[in-house]
Amino acid sequence: MLASLERLDHQLFFALNHGLSTPVLDYFFWAVSTLGNSTGLLVGAALGLWWCDRRAFKQHYVWLILAVVMGFLVVQGLKYGLARPRPLSAFATLVQAGEVHLNIIGHRLQNRSFPSGHAQAAAAVFTYLFCLFPQRWLWWSMGTLTAGLARIYLGAHFPSDVLVGIGIGCLSALGVLRLQCRRMGRYRVDKLPQSF
């Protein structure tokens, strides 16, 4: 069972990493990944909230940071605990033998692939924003998926790394929202402000 899941993970990685490879997408996904780390996402969220809804910024920005940090701590614990090799290391012998080609853009990362920190940060930010502004669900979904796809396309992560990172990010955002609601004397996330 695990072997078949790993094989599927590898097949999907090659389809997304090498199968989609074009010079335009190289630059696009490099920019998404460079700007889409936790710092870039939090700065972008701060600017967006400040510009569009200062009340939401004042009420939620610190909590949004907490959601990203909580997910980050879980991700780092798993990365160092499991130490899964990155695709470049996992396929090193096949690459050297010329049997496969990897599309590696940016840093040539070797270790601690599982789970994806970029995907976790994107999912935490966009899940939190989804709970505040659900009418913009398509933007939040596209942001999360694009950040995750970028990490696979650049050769930094396997699809399973990204999926688990997204799961951790979603759970950290929902957990922080639940904590915030309890702290504010509320018990339902849907009572949070919903204007944008």
Foldseek 3Di string as FASTA:
>chain_A
DVVVVVVVLVVVLCCLAVVVDDPVVLVVLVVLQVCLALVNLLVVLLVVCVVFPVVCNVLPSVLLVQLLVVLVVVLVCCLVVVWDWFQCQVCVVCVVVVNDDGQAHDDPGTISAAADSSLLSLLLSLLLVCLQAVVCVVVSVVSSVSSLSSCSNNRGHTNVNNVVSNVSNNVSNVVSLCVSCVVVVHRDSNVHHHDD
